[in-house]
N, C-alpha and C. Protein backbone atom coordinates (compact mmCIF):
# COMPACT_ATOMS: atom_id res chain seq x y z
N MET A 1 5.05 -2.40 12.07
CA MET A 1 4.18 -1.21 11.62
C MET A 1 2.90 -1.13 12.49
N THR A 2 2.39 0.16 12.50
CA THR A 2 1.33 0.33 13.55
C THR A 2 0.10 0.05 12.86
N SER A 3 -1.03 -0.18 13.79
CA SER A 3 -2.42 -0.48 13.26
C SER A 3 -2.67 0.50 12.25
N LYS A 4 -2.51 1.84 12.36
CA LYS A 4 -2.77 2.99 11.34
C LYS A 4 -2.12 2.91 10.14
N PHE A 5 -1.08 2.08 9.89
CA PHE A 5 -0.28 1.73 8.61
C PHE A 5 -1.07 0.87 7.92
N TRP A 6 -1.58 -0.12 8.52
CA TRP A 6 -2.32 -1.35 7.89
C TRP A 6 -3.68 -0.76 7.50
N SER A 7 -4.32 -0.12 8.47
CA SER A 7 -5.61 0.24 7.94
C SER A 7 -5.73 1.44 6.89
N LEU A 8 -4.67 2.30 6.74
CA LEU A 8 -4.63 3.47 5.68
C LEU A 8 -3.86 3.22 4.52
N SER A 9 -3.11 2.12 4.62
CA SER A 9 -2.43 1.64 3.33
C SER A 9 -3.05 1.02 2.28
N MET A 10 -2.85 1.04 0.97
CA MET A 10 -3.64 0.36 -0.01
C MET A 10 -2.67 -0.79 -0.78
N PHE A 11 -3.17 -1.92 -0.72
CA PHE A 11 -2.11 -3.04 -1.11
C PHE A 11 -2.93 -3.63 -2.32
N THR A 12 -4.24 -3.39 -2.41
CA THR A 12 -4.99 -4.01 -3.59
C THR A 12 -5.78 -2.83 -4.18
N LYS A 13 -6.09 -2.84 -5.59
CA LYS A 13 -7.17 -1.95 -6.02
C LYS A 13 -8.26 -2.07 -5.64
N PRO A 14 -9.04 -0.98 -5.18
CA PRO A 14 -10.36 -1.22 -4.76
C PRO A 14 -11.36 -1.54 -6.02
N PRO A 15 -12.24 -2.28 -5.82
CA PRO A 15 -13.15 -2.70 -6.93
C PRO A 15 -14.21 -1.63 -7.26
N ASP A 16 -14.44 -0.54 -6.31
CA ASP A 16 -15.57 0.34 -6.27
C ASP A 16 -14.98 1.77 -7.07
N ARG A 17 -13.73 1.92 -7.21
CA ARG A 17 -13.27 3.18 -7.73
C ARG A 17 -11.96 3.11 -8.42
N ASP A 18 -11.69 3.96 -9.33
CA ASP A 18 -10.42 4.16 -10.08
C ASP A 18 -9.47 4.76 -9.12
N VAL A 19 -8.23 4.36 -9.11
CA VAL A 19 -6.98 4.95 -8.20
C VAL A 19 -5.79 4.84 -9.06
N ASP A 20 -4.87 5.58 -8.72
CA ASP A 20 -3.58 5.75 -9.38
C ASP A 20 -2.92 4.58 -8.65
N CYS A 21 -2.39 3.68 -9.48
CA CYS A 21 -1.83 2.28 -8.94
C CYS A 21 -0.11 2.13 -9.00
N GLN A 22 0.34 3.59 -9.15
CA GLN A 22 1.79 3.76 -9.19
C GLN A 22 2.28 3.34 -7.68
N PRO A 23 3.16 2.35 -7.53
CA PRO A 23 3.48 2.04 -6.33
C PRO A 23 4.29 3.40 -5.56
N SER A 24 4.10 3.51 -4.35
CA SER A 24 4.94 4.55 -3.51
C SER A 24 4.56 4.29 -1.87
N ALA A 25 5.52 5.00 -1.30
CA ALA A 25 5.70 4.95 0.08
C ALA A 25 5.58 6.31 0.55
N SER A 26 5.04 6.73 1.57
CA SER A 26 4.74 8.10 2.09
C SER A 26 5.19 8.17 3.63
N ASP A 27 5.77 9.11 3.90
CA ASP A 27 5.84 9.64 5.40
C ASP A 27 4.90 10.88 5.36
N MET A 28 3.70 10.65 6.18
CA MET A 28 2.77 11.74 6.14
C MET A 28 3.12 13.07 7.01
N GLY A 29 4.30 12.87 7.56
CA GLY A 29 4.57 14.03 8.21
C GLY A 29 4.00 14.05 9.86
N TYR A 30 3.41 13.16 10.20
CA TYR A 30 2.90 12.99 11.45
C TYR A 30 3.58 11.87 12.18
N HIS A 31 3.64 12.01 13.62
CA HIS A 31 4.19 10.70 14.46
C HIS A 31 3.84 9.43 14.20
N ASN A 32 4.62 8.61 13.45
CA ASN A 32 4.40 7.19 12.98
C ASN A 32 3.39 7.01 12.17
N ASP A 33 3.17 7.90 11.05
CA ASP A 33 2.15 7.84 10.31
C ASP A 33 2.84 7.53 8.74
N TYR A 34 3.11 6.52 8.48
CA TYR A 34 3.69 6.12 7.19
C TYR A 34 2.65 5.29 6.28
N ARG A 35 2.49 5.34 5.04
CA ARG A 35 1.59 4.64 4.25
C ARG A 35 2.36 4.05 3.10
N VAL A 36 1.77 3.06 2.48
CA VAL A 36 2.15 2.34 1.24
C VAL A 36 1.05 2.28 0.37
N LYS A 37 1.16 2.57 -1.03
CA LYS A 37 0.15 2.36 -1.87
C LYS A 37 0.73 1.52 -3.12
N ILE A 38 0.29 0.41 -3.49
CA ILE A 38 0.51 -0.44 -4.34
C ILE A 38 -0.59 -1.50 -4.76
N CYS A 39 -1.07 -1.59 -6.05
CA CYS A 39 -2.11 -2.54 -6.44
C CYS A 39 -1.38 -3.94 -6.68
N THR A 40 -1.49 -4.76 -5.84
CA THR A 40 -0.91 -6.06 -6.04
C THR A 40 -1.86 -7.02 -6.38
N ILE A 41 -1.44 -8.10 -6.82
CA ILE A 41 -2.17 -9.50 -7.01
C ILE A 41 -1.24 -10.55 -5.90
N ALA A 42 -2.07 -11.24 -5.34
CA ALA A 42 -1.37 -12.00 -4.34
C ALA A 42 -0.76 -13.19 -4.92
N ASP A 43 0.30 -13.10 -5.64
CA ASP A 43 1.13 -14.20 -6.24
C ASP A 43 2.62 -14.17 -6.00
N GLU A 44 3.12 -15.16 -6.50
CA GLU A 44 4.68 -15.21 -6.27
C GLU A 44 5.43 -13.96 -6.97
N ASP A 45 5.11 -13.69 -7.88
CA ASP A 45 5.87 -12.63 -8.62
C ASP A 45 5.90 -11.37 -7.61
N TYR A 46 4.55 -10.76 -7.28
CA TYR A 46 4.68 -9.87 -6.49
C TYR A 46 5.25 -9.90 -5.06
N LEU A 47 5.21 -11.01 -4.49
CA LEU A 47 5.79 -11.37 -3.17
C LEU A 47 7.40 -11.27 -3.44
N TYR A 48 7.81 -11.80 -4.65
CA TYR A 48 9.21 -11.56 -4.84
C TYR A 48 9.80 -9.97 -5.07
N THR A 49 8.93 -9.19 -5.68
CA THR A 49 9.14 -7.91 -6.02
C THR A 49 9.18 -7.08 -4.71
N ILE A 50 8.20 -7.22 -3.85
CA ILE A 50 8.18 -6.45 -2.65
C ILE A 50 9.03 -6.99 -1.58
N HIS A 51 9.40 -8.12 -1.61
CA HIS A 51 10.31 -8.71 -0.62
C HIS A 51 11.91 -8.30 -1.09
């Protein structure tokens, strides 16, 4: 994946604001601009779910 994907995707819930944590993946409609939104916890259960 591109560096833009890693910098603009959300993998954990930000501590400073409320966000919708419903997991989703998006094609933003631009050349190679894909994003993922999921509020995970770094543990074995989430790793199993996303893998």
